[in-house]
N, C-alpha and C. Protein backbone atom coordinates (compact mmCIF):
# COMPACT_ATOMS: atom_id res chain seq x y z
N MET A 1 202.28 104.68 39.37
CA MET A 1 203.15 104.38 38.26
C MET A 1 202.97 105.38 37.11
N VAL A 2 201.73 105.68 36.78
CA VAL A 2 201.50 106.67 35.73
C VAL A 2 201.95 108.09 36.21
N GLN A 3 201.83 108.36 37.41
CA GLN A 3 202.25 109.70 37.95
C GLN A 3 203.74 109.79 37.88
N LYS A 4 204.50 108.74 38.17
CA LYS A 4 205.91 108.77 38.06
C LYS A 4 206.37 109.02 36.65
N ILE A 5 205.73 108.39 35.70
CA ILE A 5 206.09 108.63 34.34
C ILE A 5 205.79 110.09 33.87
N LEU A 6 204.63 110.54 34.27
CA LEU A 6 204.27 111.94 33.89
C LEU A 6 205.20 112.94 34.59
N ASN A 7 205.56 112.62 35.82
CA ASN A 7 206.56 113.56 36.51
C ASN A 7 207.85 113.65 35.77
N LYS A 8 208.28 112.51 35.20
CA LYS A 8 209.60 112.60 34.47
C LYS A 8 209.40 113.24 33.15
N ILE A 9 208.31 113.07 32.50
CA ILE A 9 208.10 113.75 31.18
C ILE A 9 207.71 115.19 31.28
N ILE A 10 206.64 115.42 32.05
CA ILE A 10 206.07 116.78 32.09
C ILE A 10 206.60 117.59 33.27
N GLY A 11 206.57 117.04 34.37
CA GLY A 11 206.99 117.70 35.64
C GLY A 11 205.80 117.92 36.54
N SER A 12 206.00 117.94 37.87
CA SER A 12 204.94 117.99 38.82
C SER A 12 204.26 119.36 38.80
N LYS A 13 204.95 120.40 38.47
CA LYS A 13 204.32 121.75 38.39
C LYS A 13 203.20 121.74 37.32
N TYR A 14 203.50 121.24 36.13
CA TYR A 14 202.50 121.28 35.08
C TYR A 14 201.35 120.25 35.32
N ILE A 15 201.68 119.21 36.00
CA ILE A 15 200.56 118.22 36.34
C ILE A 15 199.61 118.93 37.28
N SER A 16 200.09 119.68 38.25
CA SER A 16 199.14 120.36 39.20
C SER A 16 198.37 121.45 38.48
N ILE A 17 198.95 122.10 37.51
CA ILE A 17 198.20 123.10 36.72
C ILE A 17 197.10 122.45 35.90
N VAL A 18 197.40 121.29 35.26
CA VAL A 18 196.43 120.59 34.47
C VAL A 18 195.29 120.08 35.39
N ARG A 19 195.59 119.65 36.53
CA ARG A 19 194.58 119.16 37.45
C ARG A 19 193.60 120.25 37.88
N THR A 20 194.07 121.47 38.02
CA THR A 20 193.12 122.52 38.34
C THR A 20 192.32 122.94 37.18
N TRP A 21 192.81 122.69 35.91
CA TRP A 21 192.01 123.08 34.76
C TRP A 21 191.06 121.98 34.22
N VAL A 22 191.15 120.80 34.71
CA VAL A 22 190.37 119.65 34.18
C VAL A 22 188.80 119.93 34.39
N PRO A 23 188.37 120.36 35.56
CA PRO A 23 186.91 120.62 35.69
C PRO A 23 186.45 121.73 34.73
N ASN A 24 187.23 122.76 34.54
CA ASN A 24 186.90 123.76 33.61
C ASN A 24 186.78 123.29 32.24
N MET A 25 187.72 122.41 31.80
CA MET A 25 187.75 121.91 30.40
C MET A 25 186.48 121.04 30.23
N VAL A 26 186.19 120.22 31.23
CA VAL A 26 185.04 119.37 31.11
C VAL A 26 183.76 120.15 30.98
N ALA A 27 183.61 121.26 31.79
CA ALA A 27 182.41 122.10 31.68
C ALA A 27 182.29 122.79 30.31
N TRP A 28 183.42 123.35 29.79
CA TRP A 28 183.37 123.99 28.50
C TRP A 28 183.14 122.98 27.37
N GLY A 29 183.67 121.78 27.56
CA GLY A 29 183.43 120.74 26.56
C GLY A 29 181.94 120.29 26.51
N THR A 30 181.31 120.23 27.62
CA THR A 30 179.87 119.95 27.72
C THR A 30 179.02 121.07 27.10
N VAL A 31 179.43 122.28 27.42
CA VAL A 31 178.72 123.40 26.83
C VAL A 31 178.88 123.38 25.32
N GLY A 32 180.07 123.12 24.88
CA GLY A 32 180.28 123.09 23.38
C GLY A 32 179.52 121.99 22.75
N GLY A 33 179.39 120.82 23.40
CA GLY A 33 178.69 119.76 22.79
C GLY A 33 177.16 120.01 22.79
N VAL A 34 176.61 120.62 23.80
CA VAL A 34 175.16 120.99 23.83
C VAL A 34 174.94 122.07 22.79
N ALA A 35 175.86 123.00 22.60
CA ALA A 35 175.67 124.05 21.63
C ALA A 35 175.77 123.47 20.19
N LEU A 36 176.59 122.50 20.03
CA LEU A 36 176.71 121.84 18.69
C LEU A 36 175.40 121.16 18.34
N VAL A 37 174.87 120.36 19.26
CA VAL A 37 173.54 119.74 19.03
C VAL A 37 172.46 120.74 18.81
N HIS A 38 172.47 121.81 19.58
CA HIS A 38 171.37 122.79 19.55
C HIS A 38 171.39 123.57 18.18
N PHE A 39 172.55 123.95 17.73
CA PHE A 39 172.62 124.73 16.52
C PHE A 39 172.74 123.94 15.19
N THR A 40 172.85 122.63 15.32
CA THR A 40 172.79 121.84 14.16
C THR A 40 171.56 120.99 14.05
N ASP A 41 171.56 120.02 13.16
CA ASP A 41 170.40 119.14 13.11
C ASP A 41 170.41 118.15 14.22
N TRP A 42 169.55 118.38 15.29
CA TRP A 42 169.63 117.59 16.49
C TRP A 42 169.25 116.14 16.23
N ARG A 43 168.40 115.92 15.21
CA ARG A 43 168.04 114.53 14.91
C ARG A 43 169.18 113.73 14.42
N LEU A 44 170.14 114.40 13.72
CA LEU A 44 171.33 113.73 13.27
C LEU A 44 172.11 113.06 14.43
N PHE A 45 172.17 113.77 15.53
CA PHE A 45 172.89 113.27 16.74
C PHE A 45 172.02 112.24 17.50
N LEU A 46 170.70 112.60 17.60
CA LEU A 46 169.89 111.77 18.48
C LEU A 46 169.51 110.43 17.78
N ASP A 47 169.74 110.26 16.50
CA ASP A 47 169.55 108.97 15.83
C ASP A 47 170.48 107.93 16.30
N TYR A 48 171.56 108.33 16.93
CA TYR A 48 172.55 107.36 17.45
C TYR A 48 172.27 106.99 18.92
N VAL A 49 171.26 107.65 19.53
CA VAL A 49 170.89 107.25 20.96
C VAL A 49 169.83 106.14 20.77
N PRO A 50 170.12 104.94 21.35
CA PRO A 50 169.23 103.80 21.08
C PRO A 50 167.83 104.01 21.51
N TYR A 51 167.56 104.60 22.63
CA TYR A 51 166.17 104.76 23.18
C TYR A 51 165.34 105.71 22.30
N ILE A 52 165.97 106.78 21.88
CA ILE A 52 165.30 107.82 21.13
C ILE A 52 165.24 107.48 19.59
N LYS A 53 166.10 106.63 19.14
CA LYS A 53 166.23 106.28 17.71
C LYS A 53 164.85 105.79 17.17
N GLY A 54 164.18 104.92 17.94
CA GLY A 54 162.95 104.36 17.44
C GLY A 54 161.73 105.31 17.35
N LYS A 55 161.86 106.50 18.01
CA LYS A 55 160.73 107.44 18.04
C LYS A 55 160.60 108.15 16.67
N PHE A 56 161.59 108.21 15.86
CA PHE A 56 161.58 109.02 14.63
C PHE A 56 161.49 108.20 13.36
N LYS A 57 161.27 106.92 13.42
CA LYS A 57 161.24 106.07 12.24
C LYS A 57 160.06 106.38 11.28
N ASN A 58 158.95 106.81 11.75
CA ASN A 58 157.77 107.12 10.91
C ASN A 58 157.74 108.56 10.36
N ASP A 59 158.76 109.36 10.64
CA ASP A 59 158.75 110.81 10.29
C ASP A 59 159.32 111.01 8.86
N ASP A 60 158.55 110.75 7.78
CA ASP A 60 159.07 111.08 6.48
C ASP A 60 158.04 111.74 5.61
């Protein structure tokens, strides 16, 4: 059903192009996310991870 709607709006040619680019976009998004965490304050991001959050409470 979703594919029929997308075929009417976008077209099957562009859907096939997007399908070939999805793995590439996922890989670059992952690389970008890791780079963001690496080059910024990593504790800012890791404070939202429940398991790791408790490890840094006494660091002041």
